[in-house]
Amino acid sequence: MLSTLLRTAYAQLFPPLWNATYSCGRCGLHIKITNHPDRDRVAALLRVAHGHPCKPKPKAL
């Protein structure tokens, strides 16, 4: 019981941090999110990255 209480208190004081990366090979878009406490916000940013309007980089001659 005490260990459960301590685990709950620790989770409240120190929330887990979320990391994510996204890299688009076509246009060069790169997003890196490190140590962000809000999981929903990280997921929203990744949804935006996955749905970005991709404009491929021009190829060098």
Protein backbone atom coordinates (compact mmCIF):
# COMPACT_ATOMS: atom_id res chain seq x y z
CA MET A 1 0.00 0.00 0.00
CA LEU A 2 2.78 2.39 0.83
CA SER A 3 4.62 1.54 -2.38
CA THR A 4 1.46 2.26 -4.41
CA LEU A 5 1.08 5.61 -2.68
CA LEU A 6 4.71 6.50 -3.32
CA ARG A 7 4.46 5.41 -6.97
CA THR A 8 1.35 7.55 -7.46
CA ALA A 9 2.96 10.57 -5.80
CA TYR A 10 6.09 10.15 -7.93
CA ALA A 11 3.99 9.98 -11.12
CA GLN A 12 2.17 13.18 -10.12
CA LEU A 13 5.37 15.07 -9.34
CA PHE A 14 7.44 13.79 -12.25
CA PRO A 15 5.26 13.04 -15.30
CA PRO A 16 6.80 10.88 -18.04
CA LEU A 17 8.42 12.80 -20.88
CA TRP A 18 7.61 11.97 -24.50
CA ASN A 19 9.99 11.95 -27.45
CA ALA A 20 9.21 11.71 -31.16
CA THR A 21 10.92 12.26 -34.49
CA TYR A 22 9.65 12.56 -38.03
CA SER A 23 11.67 12.97 -41.19
CA CYS A 24 10.32 13.31 -44.74
CA GLY A 25 12.66 11.97 -47.38
CA ARG A 26 10.94 13.82 -50.23
CA CYS A 27 11.03 17.43 -49.02
CA GLY A 28 13.52 17.34 -46.16
CA LEU A 29 11.08 18.23 -43.37
CA HIS A 30 12.50 17.10 -40.05
CA ILE A 31 10.72 17.37 -36.70
CA LYS A 32 12.27 16.27 -33.43
CA ILE A 33 10.41 16.58 -30.14
CA THR A 34 12.34 15.74 -26.99
CA ASN A 35 11.31 15.63 -23.35
CA HIS A 36 7.79 17.02 -23.74
CA PRO A 37 5.42 16.23 -20.84
CA ASP A 38 2.13 16.30 -22.82
CA ARG A 39 1.54 13.11 -24.82
CA ASP A 40 -1.52 14.50 -26.65
CA ARG A 41 0.41 17.52 -27.88
CA VAL A 42 3.23 15.34 -29.21
CA ALA A 43 0.67 13.16 -31.02
CA ALA A 44 -0.98 16.25 -32.54
CA LEU A 45 2.35 17.55 -33.85
CA LEU A 46 3.11 14.18 -35.43
CA ARG A 47 -0.33 14.13 -37.10
CA VAL A 48 0.43 17.54 -38.62
CA ALA A 49 3.84 16.31 -39.79
CA HIS A 50 2.37 13.18 -41.40
CA GLY A 51 -0.21 15.23 -43.28
CA HIS A 52 2.02 18.11 -44.40
CA PRO A 53 1.75 19.23 -48.03
CA CYS A 54 4.99 17.81 -49.37
CA LYS A 55 6.84 19.79 -52.02
CA PRO A 56 9.84 17.77 -53.19
CA LYS A 57 13.20 19.50 -53.28
CA PRO A 58 14.49 20.32 -56.77
CA LYS A 59 17.24 17.97 -57.86
CA ALA A 60 20.65 19.46 -58.52
CA LEU A 61 22.08 18.91 -61.99
